[in-house]
PDB file of N, CA and C in Angstrom:
ATOM      1  N   MET A   1     119.287 -33.632 -94.334  1.00  0.00           N
ATOM      2  CA  MET A   1     119.155 -33.211 -92.953  1.00  0.00           C
ATOM      3  C   MET A   1     118.845 -34.445 -92.090  1.00  0.00           C
ATOM      4  N   PRO A   2     119.616 -34.696 -91.068  1.00  0.00           N
ATOM      5  CA  PRO A   2     119.398 -35.861 -90.206  1.00  0.00           C
ATOM      6  C   PRO A   2     118.064 -35.779 -89.462  1.00  0.00           C
ATOM      7  N   ASN A   3     117.468 -36.932 -89.273  1.00  0.00           N
ATOM      8  CA  ASN A   3     116.209 -37.034 -88.548  1.00  0.00           C
ATOM      9  C   ASN A   3     116.535 -37.403 -87.100  1.00  0.00           C
ATOM     10  N   PRO A   4     116.176 -36.565 -86.130  1.00  0.00           N
ATOM     11  CA  PRO A   4     116.520 -36.849 -84.729  1.00  0.00           C
ATOM     12  C   PRO A   4     115.835 -38.092 -84.170  1.00  0.00           C
ATOM     13  N   ARG A   5     114.779 -38.569 -84.854  1.00  0.00           N
ATOM     14  CA  ARG A   5     114.082 -39.765 -84.372  1.00  0.00           C
ATOM     15  C   ARG A   5     114.755 -41.049 -84.841  1.00  0.00           C
ATOM     16  N   ILE A   6     115.698 -40.952 -85.765  1.00  0.00           N
ATOM     17  CA  ILE A   6     116.419 -42.117 -86.269  1.00  0.00           C
ATOM     18  C   ILE A   6     117.748 -42.222 -85.537  1.00  0.00           C
ATOM     19  N   LYS A   7     117.956 -43.349 -84.863  1.00  0.00           N
ATOM     20  CA  LYS A   7     119.174 -43.521 -84.072  1.00  0.00           C
ATOM     21  C   LYS A   7     120.385 -43.859 -84.932  1.00  0.00           C
ATOM     22  N   ASN A   8     120.183 -44.596 -86.005  1.00  0.00           N
ATOM     23  CA  ASN A   8     121.293 -44.978 -86.877  1.00  0.00           C
ATOM     24  C   ASN A   8     120.938 -44.528 -88.299  1.00  0.00           C
ATOM     25  N   GLU A   9     121.226 -43.261 -88.579  1.00  0.00           N
ATOM     26  CA  GLU A   9     120.851 -42.653 -89.861  1.00  0.00           C
ATOM     27  C   GLU A   9     121.500 -43.356 -91.046  1.00  0.00           C
ATOM     28  N   GLU A  10     122.752 -43.763 -90.886  1.00  0.00           N
ATOM     29  CA  GLU A  10     123.466 -44.443 -91.972  1.00  0.00           C
ATOM     30  C   GLU A  10     122.780 -45.757 -92.340  1.00  0.00           C
ATOM     31  N   GLN A  11     122.419 -46.532 -91.337  1.00  0.00           N
ATOM     32  CA  GLN A  11     121.732 -47.801 -91.581  1.00  0.00           C
ATOM     33  C   GLN A  11     120.351 -47.552 -92.194  1.00  0.00           C
ATOM     34  N   TYR A  12     119.664 -46.535 -91.695  1.00  0.00           N
ATOM     35  CA  TYR A  12     118.347 -46.180 -92.224  1.00  0.00           C
ATOM     36  C   TYR A  12     118.438 -45.883 -93.719  1.00  0.00           C
ATOM     37  N   GLU A  13     119.386 -45.062 -94.110  1.00  0.00           N
ATOM     38  CA  GLU A  13     119.543 -44.697 -95.522  1.00  0.00           C
ATOM     39  C   GLU A  13     119.894 -45.915 -96.377  1.00  0.00           C
ATOM     40  N   ALA A  14     120.740 -46.788 -95.848  1.00  0.00           N
ATOM     41  CA  ALA A  14     121.120 -47.992 -96.591  1.00  0.00           C
ATOM     42  C   ALA A  14     119.900 -48.892 -96.817  1.00  0.00           C
ATOM     43  N   LEU A  15     119.061 -49.011 -95.821  1.00  0.00           N
ATOM     44  CA  LEU A  15     117.852 -49.821 -95.951  1.00  0.00           C
ATOM     45  C   LEU A  15     116.877 -49.202 -96.946  1.00  0.00           C
ATOM     46  N   ARG A  16     116.755 -47.875 -96.920  1.00  0.00           N
ATOM     47  CA  ARG A  16     115.880 -47.190 -97.870  1.00  0.00           C
ATOM     48  C   ARG A  16     116.356 -47.419 -99.307  1.00  0.00           C
ATOM     49  N   GLU A  17     117.690 -47.396 -99.496  1.00  0.00           N
ATOM     50  CA  GLU A  17     118.251 -47.628-100.825  1.00  0.00           C
ATOM     51  C   GLU A  17     117.980 -49.055-101.311  1.00  0.00           C
ATOM     52  N   LYS A  18     117.865 -49.991-100.371  1.00  0.00           N
ATOM     53  CA  LYS A  18     117.563 -51.381-100.728  1.00  0.00           C
ATOM     54  C   LYS A  18     116.085 -51.579-101.029  1.00  0.00           C
ATOM     55  N   GLY A  19     115.260 -50.554-100.775  1.00  0.00           N
ATOM     56  CA  GLY A  19     113.850 -50.643-101.082  1.00  0.00           C
ATOM     57  C   GLY A  19     112.931 -50.860 -99.892  1.00  0.00           C
ATOM     58  N   TYR A  20     113.488 -50.843 -98.692  1.00  0.00           N
ATOM     59  CA  TYR A  20     112.656 -50.996 -97.497  1.00  0.00           C
ATOM     60  C   TYR A  20     111.786 -49.749 -97.329  1.00  0.00           C
ATOM     61  N   SER A  21     110.613 -49.923 -96.723  1.00  0.00           N
ATOM     62  CA  SER A  21     109.736 -48.778 -96.463  1.00  0.00           C
ATOM     63  C   SER A  21     110.375 -47.882 -95.400  1.00  0.00           C
ATOM     64  N   LYS A  22     109.892 -46.656 -95.322  1.00  0.00           N
ATOM     65  CA  LYS A  22     110.403 -45.723 -94.306  1.00  0.00           C
ATOM     66  C   LYS A  22     110.163 -46.286 -92.910  1.00  0.00           C
ATOM     67  N   GLU A  23     108.963 -46.843 -92.690  1.00  0.00           N
ATOM     68  CA  GLU A  23     108.610 -47.373 -91.371  1.00  0.00           C
ATOM     69  C   GLU A  23     109.506 -48.541 -90.976  1.00  0.00           C
ATOM     70  N   LYS A  24     109.679 -49.501 -91.878  1.00  0.00           N
ATOM     71  CA  LYS A  24     110.492 -50.667 -91.554  1.00  0.00           C
ATOM     72  C   LYS A  24     111.953 -50.274 -91.379  1.00  0.00           C
ATOM     73  N   SER A  25     112.442 -49.381 -92.209  1.00  0.00           N
ATOM     74  CA  SER A  25     113.825 -48.910 -92.094  1.00  0.00           C
ATOM     75  C   SER A  25     114.053 -48.241 -90.751  1.00  0.00           C
ATOM     76  N   ALA A  26     113.091 -47.418 -90.337  1.00  0.00           N
ATOM     77  CA  ALA A  26     113.210 -46.723 -89.048  1.00  0.00           C
ATOM     78  C   ALA A  26     113.191 -47.714 -87.895  1.00  0.00           C
ATOM     79  N   ARG A  27     112.295 -48.707 -87.973  1.00  0.00           N
ATOM     80  CA  ARG A  27     112.243 -49.711 -86.897  1.00  0.00           C
ATOM     81  C   ARG A  27     113.563 -50.433 -86.750  1.00  0.00           C
ATOM     82  N   ILE A  28     114.123 -50.848 -87.874  1.00  0.00           N
ATOM     83  CA  ILE A  28     115.389 -51.585 -87.835  1.00  0.00           C
ATOM     84  C   ILE A  28     116.511 -50.690 -87.337  1.00  0.00           C
ATOM     85  N   ALA A  29     116.584 -49.471 -87.859  1.00  0.00           N
ATOM     86  CA  ALA A  29     117.657 -48.550 -87.485  1.00  0.00           C
ATOM     87  C   ALA A  29     117.562 -48.103 -86.026  1.00  0.00           C
ATOM     88  N   ASN A  30     116.381 -48.182 -85.440  1.00  0.00           N
ATOM     89  CA  ASN A  30     116.204 -47.766 -84.052  1.00  0.00           C
ATOM     90  C   ASN A  30     116.281 -48.920 -83.058  1.00  0.00           C
ATOM     91  N   THR A  31     116.435 -50.132 -83.540  1.00  0.00           N
ATOM     92  CA  THR A  31     116.558 -51.293 -82.661  1.00  0.00           C
ATOM     93  C   THR A  31     117.958 -51.301 -82.046  1.00  0.00           C
ATOM     94  N   PRO A  32     118.048 -51.470 -80.721  1.00  0.00           N
ATOM     95  CA  PRO A  32     119.383 -51.520 -80.116  1.00  0.00           C
ATOM     96  C   PRO A  32     120.230 -52.627 -80.733  1.00  0.00           C
ATOM     97  N   ASN A  33     121.459 -52.324 -81.009  1.00  0.00           N
ATOM     98  CA  ASN A  33     122.430 -53.257 -81.585  1.00  0.00           C
ATOM     99  C   ASN A  33     122.051 -53.735 -82.981  1.00  0.00           C
ATOM    100  N   ALA A  34     121.157 -53.028 -83.659  1.00  0.00           N
ATOM    101  CA  ALA A  34     120.755 -53.428 -85.011  1.00  0.00           C
ATOM    102  C   ALA A  34     121.950 -53.375 -85.942  1.00  0.00           C
ATOM    103  N   GLY A  35     122.104 -54.404 -86.720  1.00  0.00           N
ATOM    104  CA  GLY A  35     123.171 -54.428 -87.704  1.00  0.00           C
ATOM    105  C   GLY A  35     124.521 -54.842 -87.171  1.00  0.00           C
ATOM    106  N   LYS A  36     124.624 -55.030 -85.871  1.00  0.00           N
ATOM    107  CA  LYS A  36     125.908 -55.452 -85.310  1.00  0.00           C
ATOM    108  C   LYS A  36     126.000 -56.960 -85.372  1.00  0.00           C
ATOM    109  N   LYS A  37     127.164 -57.426 -85.732  1.00  0.00           N
ATOM    110  CA  LYS A  37     127.369 -58.867 -85.841  1.00  0.00           C
ATOM    111  C   LYS A  37     127.884 -59.407 -84.517  1.00  0.00           C
ATOM    112  N   GLY A  38     127.827 -60.696 -84.389  1.00  0.00           N
ATOM    113  CA  GLY A  38     128.355 -61.310 -83.190  1.00  0.00           C
ATOM    114  C   GLY A  38     127.617 -62.577 -82.821  1.00  0.00           C
ATOM    115  N   GLY A  39     126.338 -62.655 -83.166  1.00  0.00           N
ATOM    116  CA  GLY A  39     125.571 -63.860 -82.902  1.00  0.00           C
ATOM    117  C   GLY A  39     125.461 -64.209 -81.441  1.00  0.00           C
ATOM    118  N   LYS A  40     125.452 -63.212 -80.564  1.00  0.00           N
ATOM    119  CA  LYS A  40     125.411 -63.494 -79.137  1.00  0.00           C
ATOM    120  C   LYS A  40     123.992 -63.627 -78.607  1.00  0.00           C
ATOM    121  N   ALA A  41     123.022 -63.188 -79.381  1.00  0.00           N
ATOM    122  CA  ALA A  41     121.632 -63.315 -78.933  1.00  0.00           C
ATOM    123  C   ALA A  41     121.189 -64.766 -79.077  1.00  0.00           C
ATOM    124  N   LYS A  42     120.464 -65.231 -78.071  1.00  0.00           N
ATOM    125  CA  LYS A  42     119.966 -66.598 -78.146  1.00  0.00           C
ATOM    126  C   LYS A  42     118.798 -66.646 -79.116  1.00  0.00           C
ATOM    127  N   PRO A  43     118.536 -67.812 -79.701  1.00  0.00           N
ATOM    128  CA  PRO A  43     117.422 -67.932 -80.652  1.00  0.00           C
ATOM    129  C   PRO A  43     116.092 -67.624 -79.965  1.00  0.00           C
ATOM    130  N   TYR A  44     115.136 -67.119 -80.753  1.00  0.00           N
ATOM    131  CA  TYR A  44     113.833 -66.766 -80.185  1.00  0.00           C
ATOM    132  C   TYR A  44     113.188 -67.922 -79.433  1.00  0.00           C
ATOM    133  N   GLU A  45     113.436 -69.145 -79.857  1.00  0.00           N
ATOM    134  CA  GLU A  45     112.834 -70.299 -79.171  1.00  0.00           C
ATOM    135  C   GLU A  45     113.277 -70.395 -77.708  1.00  0.00           C
ATOM    136  N   GLU A  46     114.410 -69.801 -77.383  1.00  0.00           N
ATOM    137  CA  GLU A  46     114.912 -69.834 -76.002  1.00  0.00           C
ATOM    138  C   GLU A  46     114.452 -68.621 -75.193  1.00  0.00           C
ATOM    139  N   TRP A  47     113.794 -67.664 -75.823  1.00  0.00           N
ATOM    140  CA  TRP A  47     113.279 -66.491 -75.124  1.00  0.00           C
ATOM    141  C   TRP A  47     111.984 -66.865 -74.408  1.00  0.00           C
ATOM    142  N   THR A  48     111.686 -66.165 -73.333  1.00  0.00           N
ATOM    143  CA  THR A  48     110.394 -66.353 -72.673  1.00  0.00           C
ATOM    144  C   THR A  48     109.333 -65.619 -73.489  1.00  0.00           C
ATOM    145  N   LYS A  49     108.082 -65.968 -73.260  1.00  0.00           N
ATOM    146  CA  LYS A  49     106.998 -65.283 -73.965  1.00  0.00           C
ATOM    147  C   LYS A  49     107.014 -63.790 -73.622  1.00  0.00           C
ATOM    148  N   THR A  50     107.335 -63.465 -72.388  1.00  0.00           N
ATOM    149  CA  THR A  50     107.402 -62.062 -71.976  1.00  0.00           C
ATOM    150  C   THR A  50     108.490 -61.316 -72.739  1.00  0.00           C
ATOM    151  N   GLU A  51     109.649 -61.937 -72.907  1.00  0.00           N
ATOM    152  CA  GLU A  51     110.738 -61.313 -73.667  1.00  0.00           C
ATOM    153  C   GLU A  51     110.326 -61.097 -75.125  1.00  0.00           C
ATOM    154  N   LEU A  52     109.670 -62.109 -75.690  1.00  0.00           N
ATOM    155  CA  LEU A  52     109.205 -61.999 -77.071  1.00  0.00           C
ATOM    156  C   LEU A  52     108.167 -60.889 -77.207  1.00  0.00           C
ATOM    157  N   TYR A  53     107.263 -60.805 -76.242  1.00  0.00           N
ATOM    158  CA  TYR A  53     106.237 -59.765 -76.252  1.00  0.00           C
ATOM    159  C   TYR A  53     106.881 -58.380 -76.204  1.00  0.00           C
ATOM    160  N   GLU A  54     107.853 -58.217 -75.332  1.00  0.00           N
ATOM    161  CA  GLU A  54     108.528 -56.920 -75.209  1.00  0.00           C
ATOM    162  C   GLU A  54     109.262 -56.544 -76.502  1.00  0.00           C
ATOM    163  N   GLN A  55     109.887 -57.520 -77.141  1.00  0.00           N
ATOM    164  CA  GLN A  55     110.564 -57.257 -78.417  1.00  0.00           C
ATOM    165  C   GLN A  55     109.540 -56.887 -79.490  1.00  0.00           C
ATOM    166  N   ALA A  56     108.421 -57.595 -79.516  1.00  0.00           N
ATOM    167  CA  ALA A  56     107.363 -57.292 -80.478  1.00  0.00           C
ATOM    168  C   ALA A  56     106.803 -55.888 -80.233  1.00  0.00           C
ATOM    169  N   LYS A  57     106.682 -55.521 -78.985  1.00  0.00           N
ATOM    170  CA  LYS A  57     106.225 -54.179 -78.622  1.00  0.00           C
ATOM    171  C   LYS A  57     107.228 -53.141 -79.114  1.00  0.00           C
ATOM    172  N   HIS A  58     108.506 -53.432 -78.909  1.00  0.00           N
ATOM    173  CA  HIS A  58     109.576 -52.512 -79.294  1.00  0.00           C
ATOM    174  C   HIS A  58     109.592 -52.252 -80.800  1.00  0.00           C
ATOM    175  N   VAL A  59     109.343 -53.267 -81.596  1.00  0.00           N
ATOM    176  CA  VAL A  59     109.382 -53.092 -83.050  1.00  0.00           C
ATOM    177  C   VAL A  59     108.006 -52.764 -83.636  1.00  0.00           C
ATOM    178  N   GLY A  60     106.981 -52.690 -82.789  1.00  0.00           N
ATOM    179  CA  GLY A  60     105.678 -52.222 -83.237  1.00  0.00           C
ATOM    180  C   GLY A  60     104.798 -53.239 -83.919  1.00  0.00           C
ATOM    181  N   ILE A  61     104.820 -54.479 -83.464  1.00  0.00           N
ATOM    182  CA  ILE A  61     103.965 -55.514 -84.051  1.00  0.00           C
ATOM    183  C   ILE A  61     102.563 -55.403 -83.441  1.00  0.00           C
ATOM    184  N   ASP A  62     101.576 -55.216 -84.312  1.00  0.00           N
ATOM    185  CA  ASP A  62     100.188 -55.116 -83.864  1.00  0.00           C
ATOM    186  C   ASP A  62      99.632 -56.500 -83.526  1.00  0.00           C
ATOM    187  N   GLY A  63      98.716 -56.539 -82.575  1.00  0.00           N
ATOM    188  CA  GLY A  63      98.044 -57.780 -82.202  1.00  0.00           C
ATOM    189  C   GLY A  63      98.869 -58.695 -81.318  1.00  0.00           C
ATOM    190  N   ARG A  64      99.990 -58.201 -80.823  1.00  0.00           N
ATOM    191  CA  ARG A  64     100.918 -59.046 -80.049  1.00  0.00           C
ATOM    192  C   ARG A  64     100.321 -59.568 -78.744  1.00  0.00           C
ATOM    193  N   SER A  65      99.402 -58.825 -78.151  1.00  0.00           N
ATOM    194  CA  SER A  65      98.857 -59.244 -76.852  1.00  0.00           C
ATOM    195  C   SER A  65      98.041 -60.527 -76.947  1.00  0.00           C
ATOM    196  N   LYS A  66      97.551 -60.852 -78.142  1.00  0.00           N
ATOM    197  CA  LYS A  66      96.741 -62.062 -78.310  1.00  0.00           C
ATOM    198  C   LYS A  66      97.538 -63.218 -78.888  1.00  0.00           C
ATOM    199  N   MET A  67      98.816 -62.997 -79.147  1.00  0.00           N
ATOM    200  CA  MET A  67      99.628 -64.023 -79.797  1.00  0.00           C
ATOM    201  C   MET A  67     100.204 -65.025 -78.805  1.00  0.00           C
ATOM    202  N   LYS A  68     100.316 -66.260 -79.273  1.00  0.00           N
ATOM    203  CA  LYS A  68     101.007 -67.304 -78.525  1.00  0.00           C
ATOM    204  C   LYS A  68     102.501 -67.169 -78.813  1.00  0.00           C
ATOM    205  N   LYS A  69     103.301 -67.896 -78.075  1.00  0.00           N
ATOM    206  CA  LYS A  69     104.746 -67.803 -78.226  1.00  0.00           C
ATOM    207  C   LYS A  69     105.185 -68.059 -79.675  1.00  0.00           C
ATOM    208  N   LYS A  70     104.683 -69.118 -80.283  1.00  0.00           N
ATOM    209  CA  LYS A  70     105.070 -69.437 -81.672  1.00  0.00           C
ATOM    210  C   LYS A  70     104.647 -68.332 -82.633  1.00  0.00           C
ATOM    211  N   GLU A  71     103.504 -67.730 -82.382  1.00  0.00           N
ATOM    212  CA  GLU A  71     103.037 -66.639 -83.233  1.00  0.00           C
ATOM    213  C   GLU A  71     103.924 -65.403 -83.085  1.00  0.00           C
ATOM    214  N   LEU A  72     104.364 -65.126 -81.857  1.00  0.00           N
ATOM    215  CA  LEU A  72     105.271 -64.000 -81.632  1.00  0.00           C
ATOM    216  C   LEU A  72     106.589 -64.213 -82.376  1.00  0.00           C
ATOM    217  N   ILE A  73     107.111 -65.440 -82.307  1.00  0.00           N
ATOM    218  CA  ILE A  73     108.357 -65.769 -82.998  1.00  0.00           C
ATOM    219  C   ILE A  73     108.177 -65.557 -84.501  1.00  0.00           C
ATOM    220  N   HIS A  74     107.085 -66.047 -85.042  1.00  0.00           N
ATOM    221  CA  HIS A  74     106.821 -65.911 -86.481  1.00  0.00           C
ATOM    222  C   HIS A  74     106.717 -64.424 -86.861  1.00  0.00           C
ATOM    223  N   ALA A  75     105.989 -63.659 -86.065  1.00  0.00           N
ATOM    224  CA  ALA A  75     105.809 -62.239 -86.349  1.00  0.00           C
ATOM    225  C   ALA A  75     107.129 -61.486 -86.286  1.00  0.00           C
ATOM    226  N   LEU A  76     107.968 -61.801 -85.310  1.00  0.00           N
ATOM    227  CA  LEU A  76     109.260 -61.132 -85.185  1.00  0.00           C
ATOM    228  C   LEU A  76     110.186 -61.476 -86.347  1.00  0.00           C
ATOM    229  N   ARG A  77     110.150 -62.694 -86.791  1.00  0.00           N
ATOM    230  CA  ARG A  77     111.022 -63.108 -87.901  1.00  0.00           C
ATOM    231  C   ARG A  77     110.538 -62.581 -89.240  1.00  0.00           C
ATOM    232  N   ASN A  78     109.275 -62.326 -89.373  1.00  0.00           N
ATOM    233  CA  ASN A  78     108.716 -61.921 -90.666  1.00  0.00           C
ATOM    234  C   ASN A  78     108.284 -60.470 -90.700  1.00  0.00           C
ATOM    235  N   ASN A  79     108.695 -59.720 -89.730  1.00  0.00           N
ATOM    236  CA  ASN A  79     108.332 -58.309 -89.687  1.00  0.00           C
ATOM    237  C   ASN A  79     109.291 -57.472 -90.474  1.00  0.00           C
TER     238      ASN A  79
END
């Protein structure tokens, strides 16, 4: 039965099969343009701290309000 809170159910299931947790799979599957190729996004180093904060908020990174730009980049890459 499809979960209405998951935007990309197919991607979610594929991530679960790879061993990702339900929470991480849902975050990835619900990220806009997740899994799409193209490389059009600029590297995090070129993002403003505000943009990084908003992305961290979107994916649910705790403690983001106290993080510096480099810490936000690290958290986003390792989440």
